[in-house]
Amino acid sequence: MKYLFLFLFLFLSCQKNEKQKIIQLVNEWQGKEILFPDEIIFTRFVTDTVDFELGNTEYKILVYVDSIGCTSCKLQLDKWKDFIAEIDTIKDSSVPILFFLQSPNTNEIKQILKRERFDYPVCIDIADELNRLNHFSPQAGFQTFLLDKNNKILIIGNPVYNPAIKNLYLNQISIV
């Protein structure tokens, strides 16, 4: 019985520590300005270059995906298509979503985008310049940001991973 209490104590302590780490991470990133590389090229299906500006809009969403692990699993492009459609219904002017995919394997990215029929512009960041400028968290859930017009972080977290984060994004975007 005493081992059960010890286990519960350790389990609850670990959960509290994890919450504290998340709070610290959010506080560290809140209001931080995101820096972008000088040369950014957006493409459709990794082949067709498109004229896609970072934009001087009230809001923009930055999605950074590194090459560690299952890229397709991290992207969840079907959910992003739904989220983009939802944003377009609540905002008169579109909110640009800046997909930066860090991968030396452009063929894999191309196949994922084609398979998922995801024709939204993406930037393939082979040299990982965006991450080198900003030093993102290695946790995929903390590599997506809602930015203001000055590229300062308003919300950190991935809206397609977490419904609560999605609601925060939608509420903030619908304010203006």
C-alpha atoms as a PDB file:
ATOM      1  CA  MET A   1       0.000   0.000   0.000  1.00  0.00           C
ATOM      2  CA  LYS A   2       2.808   2.436   0.795  1.00  0.00           C
ATOM      3  CA  TYR A   3       4.232   1.815  -2.696  1.00  0.00           C
ATOM      4  CA  LEU A   4       0.928   2.930  -4.184  1.00  0.00           C
ATOM      5  CA  PHE A   5       1.150   6.235  -2.291  1.00  0.00           C
ATOM      6  CA  LEU A   6       4.758   6.667  -3.377  1.00  0.00           C
ATOM      7  CA  PHE A   7       3.771   6.000  -6.996  1.00  0.00           C
ATOM      8  CA  LEU A   8       0.866   8.479  -6.795  1.00  0.00           C
ATOM      9  CA  PHE A   9       3.113  11.111  -5.200  1.00  0.00           C
ATOM     10  CA  LEU A  10       5.749  10.688  -7.920  1.00  0.00           C
ATOM     11  CA  PHE A  11       3.122  10.633 -10.674  1.00  0.00           C
ATOM     12  CA  LEU A  12       1.433  13.806  -9.451  1.00  0.00           C
ATOM     13  CA  SER A  13       4.800  15.497  -8.911  1.00  0.00           C
ATOM     14  CA  CYS A  14       5.802  14.716 -12.491  1.00  0.00           C
ATOM     15  CA  GLN A  15       2.514  16.132 -13.788  1.00  0.00           C
ATOM     16  CA  LYS A  16       3.033  19.315 -11.784  1.00  0.00           C
ATOM     17  CA  ASN A  17       6.590  19.621 -13.083  1.00  0.00           C
ATOM     18  CA  GLU A  18       5.358  19.166 -16.662  1.00  0.00           C
ATOM     19  CA  LYS A  19       2.713  21.881 -16.205  1.00  0.00           C
ATOM     20  CA  GLN A  20       5.356  24.215 -14.766  1.00  0.00           C
ATOM     21  CA  LYS A  21       7.619  23.558 -17.764  1.00  0.00           C
ATOM     22  CA  ILE A  22       4.770  24.360 -20.150  1.00  0.00           C
ATOM     23  CA  ILE A  23       3.904  27.560 -18.289  1.00  0.00           C
ATOM     24  CA  GLN A  24       7.570  28.593 -18.318  1.00  0.00           C
ATOM     25  CA  LEU A  25       7.836  27.847 -22.051  1.00  0.00           C
ATOM     26  CA  VAL A  26       4.706  29.860 -22.857  1.00  0.00           C
ATOM     27  CA  ASN A  27       5.872  32.789 -20.719  1.00  0.00           C
ATOM     28  CA  GLU A  28       9.290  32.703 -22.383  1.00  0.00           C
ATOM     29  CA  TRP A  29       7.824  32.855 -25.905  1.00  0.00           C
ATOM     30  CA  GLN A  30       4.823  35.155 -25.320  1.00  0.00           C
ATOM     31  CA  GLY A  31       5.491  38.497 -27.036  1.00  0.00           C
ATOM     32  CA  LYS A  32       8.786  37.348 -28.570  1.00  0.00           C
ATOM     33  CA  GLU A  33       9.398  38.552 -32.121  1.00  0.00           C
ATOM     34  CA  ILE A  34       9.887  35.863 -34.754  1.00  0.00           C
ATOM     35  CA  LEU A  35      12.738  36.541 -37.153  1.00  0.00           C
ATOM     36  CA  PHE A  36      12.467  35.356 -40.751  1.00  0.00           C
ATOM     37  CA  PRO A  37      15.282  34.538 -43.187  1.00  0.00           C
ATOM     38  CA  ASP A  38      16.016  37.126 -45.865  1.00  0.00           C
ATOM     39  CA  GLU A  39      15.398  34.718 -48.741  1.00  0.00           C
ATOM     40  CA  ILE A  40      12.109  32.826 -48.499  1.00  0.00           C
ATOM     41  CA  ILE A  41      10.700  30.821 -51.373  1.00  0.00           C
ATOM     42  CA  PHE A  42       7.207  29.351 -51.160  1.00  0.00           C
ATOM     43  CA  THR A  43       6.133  26.577 -53.473  1.00  0.00           C
ATOM     44  CA  ARG A  44       3.146  24.395 -54.248  1.00  0.00           C
ATOM     45  CA  PHE A  45       3.938  20.689 -54.172  1.00  0.00           C
ATOM     46  CA  VAL A  46       7.633  21.636 -53.783  1.00  0.00           C
ATOM     47  CA  THR A  47       7.909  22.372 -57.507  1.00  0.00           C
ATOM     48  CA  ASP A  48       5.862  25.413 -58.483  1.00  0.00           C
ATOM     49  CA  THR A  49       7.217  28.648 -57.018  1.00  0.00           C
ATOM     50  CA  VAL A  50       4.432  30.972 -55.901  1.00  0.00           C
ATOM     51  CA  ASP A  51       4.341  34.642 -55.052  1.00  0.00           C
ATOM     52  CA  PHE A  52       3.451  34.399 -51.368  1.00  0.00           C
ATOM     53  CA  GLU A  53       4.245  37.308 -49.109  1.00  0.00           C
ATOM     54  CA  LEU A  54       4.647  37.173 -45.342  1.00  0.00           C
ATOM     55  CA  GLY A  55       2.057  39.858 -45.442  1.00  0.00           C
ATOM     56  CA  ASN A  56       1.354  43.000 -43.545  1.00  0.00           C
ATOM     57  CA  THR A  57      -1.850  41.583 -42.119  1.00  0.00           C
ATOM     58  CA  GLU A  58      -3.229  41.907 -38.617  1.00  0.00           C
ATOM     59  CA  TYR A  59      -2.451  38.235 -37.941  1.00  0.00           C
ATOM     60  CA  LYS A  60      -0.464  35.403 -39.435  1.00  0.00           C
ATOM     61  CA  ILE A  61       0.110  31.840 -38.346  1.00  0.00           C
ATOM     62  CA  LEU A  62       3.578  30.322 -38.420  1.00  0.00           C
ATOM     63  CA  VAL A  63       3.835  26.549 -38.618  1.00  0.00           C
ATOM     64  CA  TYR A  64       7.345  25.141 -38.263  1.00  0.00           C
ATOM     65  CA  VAL A  65       7.813  21.398 -38.759  1.00  0.00           C
ATOM     66  CA  ASP A  66      11.220  19.837 -38.271  1.00  0.00           C
ATOM     67  CA  SER A  67      12.410  16.617 -39.896  1.00  0.00           C
ATOM     68  CA  ILE A  68      12.622  14.607 -36.669  1.00  0.00           C
ATOM     69  CA  GLY A  69      10.196  11.703 -36.627  1.00  0.00           C
ATOM     70  CA  CYS A  70       7.168  11.211 -38.838  1.00  0.00           C
ATOM     71  CA  THR A  71       6.694  14.359 -40.893  1.00  0.00           C
ATOM     72  CA  SER A  72       3.299  13.291 -42.201  1.00  0.00           C
ATOM     73  CA  CYS A  73       2.099  12.579 -38.654  1.00  0.00           C
ATOM     74  CA  LYS A  74       3.233  16.007 -37.455  1.00  0.00           C
ATOM     75  CA  LEU A  75       1.690  17.893 -40.361  1.00  0.00           C
ATOM     76  CA  GLN A  76      -1.877  16.527 -40.119  1.00  0.00           C
ATOM     77  CA  LEU A  77      -2.708  18.279 -43.376  1.00  0.00           C
ATOM     78  CA  ASP A  78      -6.390  17.245 -43.440  1.00  0.00           C
ATOM     79  CA  LYS A  79      -6.889  19.059 -40.144  1.00  0.00           C
ATOM     80  CA  TRP A  80      -5.009  22.091 -41.466  1.00  0.00           C
ATOM     81  CA  LYS A  81      -7.278  22.204 -44.542  1.00  0.00           C
ATOM     82  CA  ASP A  82     -10.318  22.242 -42.240  1.00  0.00           C
ATOM     83  CA  PHE A  83      -8.749  24.904 -40.001  1.00  0.00           C
ATOM     84  CA  ILE A  84      -7.846  27.127 -42.975  1.00  0.00           C
ATOM     85  CA  ALA A  85     -11.429  26.856 -44.259  1.00  0.00           C
ATOM     86  CA  GLU A  86     -12.745  27.768 -40.790  1.00  0.00           C
ATOM     87  CA  ILE A  87     -10.482  30.822 -40.563  1.00  0.00           C
ATOM     88  CA  ASP A  88     -11.594  31.963 -44.014  1.00  0.00           C
ATOM     89  CA  THR A  89     -15.228  31.963 -42.866  1.00  0.00           C
ATOM     90  CA  ILE A  90     -14.628  34.199 -39.838  1.00  0.00           C
ATOM     91  CA  LYS A  91     -12.193  36.683 -41.300  1.00  0.00           C
ATOM     92  CA  ASP A  92     -12.891  39.011 -44.245  1.00  0.00           C
ATOM     93  CA  SER A  93      -9.265  39.157 -45.280  1.00  0.00           C
ATOM     94  CA  SER A  94      -7.451  35.884 -45.124  1.00  0.00           C
ATOM     95  CA  VAL A  95      -4.943  35.125 -42.410  1.00  0.00           C
ATOM     96  CA  PRO A  96      -1.761  33.868 -44.076  1.00  0.00           C
ATOM     97  CA  ILE A  97      -0.468  30.575 -42.764  1.00  0.00           C
ATOM     98  CA  LEU A  98       3.269  30.278 -43.176  1.00  0.00           C
ATOM     99  CA  PHE A  99       4.271  26.627 -43.401  1.00  0.00           C
ATOM    100  CA  PHE A 100       8.020  26.182 -42.935  1.00  0.00           C
ATOM    101  CA  LEU A 101       9.015  22.547 -43.398  1.00  0.00           C
ATOM    102  CA  GLN A 102      12.564  21.697 -42.449  1.00  0.00           C
ATOM    103  CA  SER A 103      13.661  18.631 -44.319  1.00  0.00           C
ATOM    104  CA  PRO A 104      16.606  17.620 -46.446  1.00  0.00           C
ATOM    105  CA  ASN A 105      14.270  15.143 -48.183  1.00  0.00           C
ATOM    106  CA  THR A 106      12.210  17.274 -50.546  1.00  0.00           C
ATOM    107  CA  ASN A 107      10.913  14.180 -52.341  1.00  0.00           C
ATOM    108  CA  GLU A 108       9.241  12.954 -49.149  1.00  0.00           C
ATOM    109  CA  ILE A 109       7.619  16.350 -48.589  1.00  0.00           C
ATOM    110  CA  LYS A 110       6.497  16.490 -52.207  1.00  0.00           C
ATOM    111  CA  GLN A 111       4.901  13.046 -51.923  1.00  0.00           C
ATOM    112  CA  ILE A 112       3.116  13.945 -48.675  1.00  0.00           C
ATOM    113  CA  LEU A 113       1.728  17.175 -50.143  1.00  0.00           C
ATOM    114  CA  LYS A 114       0.542  15.447 -53.323  1.00  0.00           C
ATOM    115  CA  ARG A 115      -0.941  12.462 -51.492  1.00  0.00           C
ATOM    116  CA  GLU A 116      -2.879  14.796 -49.174  1.00  0.00           C
ATOM    117  CA  ARG A 117      -3.776  17.163 -52.075  1.00  0.00           C
ATOM    118  CA  PHE A 118      -2.436  20.034 -50.022  1.00  0.00           C
ATOM    119  CA  ASP A 119      -1.819  22.870 -52.470  1.00  0.00           C
ATOM    120  CA  TYR A 120      -1.339  25.639 -49.892  1.00  0.00           C
ATOM    121  CA  PRO A 121       2.078  27.326 -50.300  1.00  0.00           C
ATOM    122  CA  VAL A 122       4.898  25.946 -48.151  1.00  0.00           C
ATOM    123  CA  CYS A 123       8.528  26.914 -47.667  1.00  0.00           C
ATOM    124  CA  ILE A 124      10.997  24.040 -47.662  1.00  0.00           C
ATOM    125  CA  ASP A 125      13.707  25.150 -45.276  1.00  0.00           C
ATOM    126  CA  ILE A 126      16.455  22.647 -46.061  1.00  0.00           C
ATOM    127  CA  ALA A 127      19.122  24.588 -44.131  1.00  0.00           C
ATOM    128  CA  ASP A 128      16.815  25.079 -41.105  1.00  0.00           C
ATOM    129  CA  GLU A 129      17.375  28.842 -41.247  1.00  0.00           C
ATOM    130  CA  LEU A 130      14.121  29.744 -39.490  1.00  0.00           C
ATOM    131  CA  ASN A 131      14.968  27.556 -36.515  1.00  0.00           C
ATOM    132  CA  ARG A 132      18.533  28.857 -36.353  1.00  0.00           C
ATOM    133  CA  LEU A 133      17.204  32.397 -36.122  1.00  0.00           C
ATOM    134  CA  ASN A 134      14.603  31.607 -33.457  1.00  0.00           C
ATOM    135  CA  HIS A 135      15.670  28.430 -31.586  1.00  0.00           C
ATOM    136  CA  PHE A 136      12.274  26.727 -31.429  1.00  0.00           C
ATOM    137  CA  SER A 137      11.300  24.169 -28.836  1.00  0.00           C
ATOM    138  CA  PRO A 138      11.931  20.583 -29.966  1.00  0.00           C
ATOM    139  CA  GLN A 139       8.350  19.720 -28.929  1.00  0.00           C
ATOM    140  CA  ALA A 140       6.103  19.736 -32.007  1.00  0.00           C
ATOM    141  CA  GLY A 141       3.181  21.161 -30.041  1.00  0.00           C
ATOM    142  CA  PHE A 142       5.177  24.337 -29.416  1.00  0.00           C
ATOM    143  CA  GLN A 143       6.350  25.014 -32.963  1.00  0.00           C
ATOM    144  CA  THR A 144       3.227  26.822 -34.170  1.00  0.00           C
ATOM    145  CA  PHE A 145       2.432  30.450 -33.398  1.00  0.00           C
ATOM    146  CA  LEU A 146      -0.228  33.075 -33.921  1.00  0.00           C
ATOM    147  CA  LEU A 147       1.692  36.256 -34.741  1.00  0.00           C
ATOM    148  CA  ASP A 148       0.594  39.872 -34.811  1.00  0.00           C
ATOM    149  CA  LYS A 149       1.432  42.270 -37.662  1.00  0.00           C
ATOM    150  CA  ASN A 150       4.875  42.883 -36.107  1.00  0.00           C
ATOM    151  CA  ASN A 151       5.643  39.137 -35.989  1.00  0.00           C
ATOM    152  CA  LYS A 152       5.297  39.048 -32.207  1.00  0.00           C
ATOM    153  CA  ILE A 153       3.876  35.881 -30.693  1.00  0.00           C
ATOM    154  CA  LEU A 154       0.355  36.184 -29.350  1.00  0.00           C
ATOM    155  CA  ILE A 155      -0.384  32.474 -28.912  1.00  0.00           C
ATOM    156  CA  ILE A 156       1.944  29.476 -28.879  1.00  0.00           C
ATOM    157  CA  GLY A 157       0.636  26.003 -29.629  1.00  0.00           C
ATOM    158  CA  ASN A 158      -0.707  23.985 -32.515  1.00  0.00           C
ATOM    159  CA  PRO A 159      -4.442  24.485 -33.152  1.00  0.00           C
ATOM    160  CA  VAL A 160      -4.790  21.190 -35.025  1.00  0.00           C
ATOM    161  CA  TYR A 161      -3.304  19.236 -32.098  1.00  0.00           C
ATOM    162  CA  ASN A 162      -5.354  20.866 -29.346  1.00  0.00           C
ATOM    163  CA  PRO A 163      -8.996  22.080 -29.481  1.00  0.00           C
ATOM    164  CA  ALA A 164      -8.420  24.567 -26.640  1.00  0.00           C
ATOM    165  CA  ILE A 165      -5.555  26.178 -28.579  1.00  0.00           C
ATOM    166  CA  LYS A 166      -7.735  26.194 -31.701  1.00  0.00           C
ATOM    167  CA  ASN A 167     -10.406  28.137 -29.810  1.00  0.00           C
ATOM    168  CA  LEU A 168      -7.798  30.640 -28.602  1.00  0.00           C
ATOM    169  CA  TYR A 169      -6.663  31.214 -32.199  1.00  0.00           C
ATOM    170  CA  LEU A 170     -10.209  31.580 -33.531  1.00  0.00           C
ATOM    171  CA  ASN A 171     -11.235  33.933 -30.734  1.00  0.00           C
ATOM    172  CA  GLN A 172      -8.170  36.142 -31.205  1.00  0.00           C
ATOM    173  CA  ILE A 173      -8.524  36.250 -34.997  1.00  0.00           C
ATOM    174  CA  SER A 174     -12.210  37.158 -34.830  1.00  0.00           C
ATOM    175  CA  ILE A 175     -11.556  40.141 -32.495  1.00  0.00           C
ATOM    176  CA  VAL A 176     -10.284  42.505 -35.181  1.00  0.00           C
END
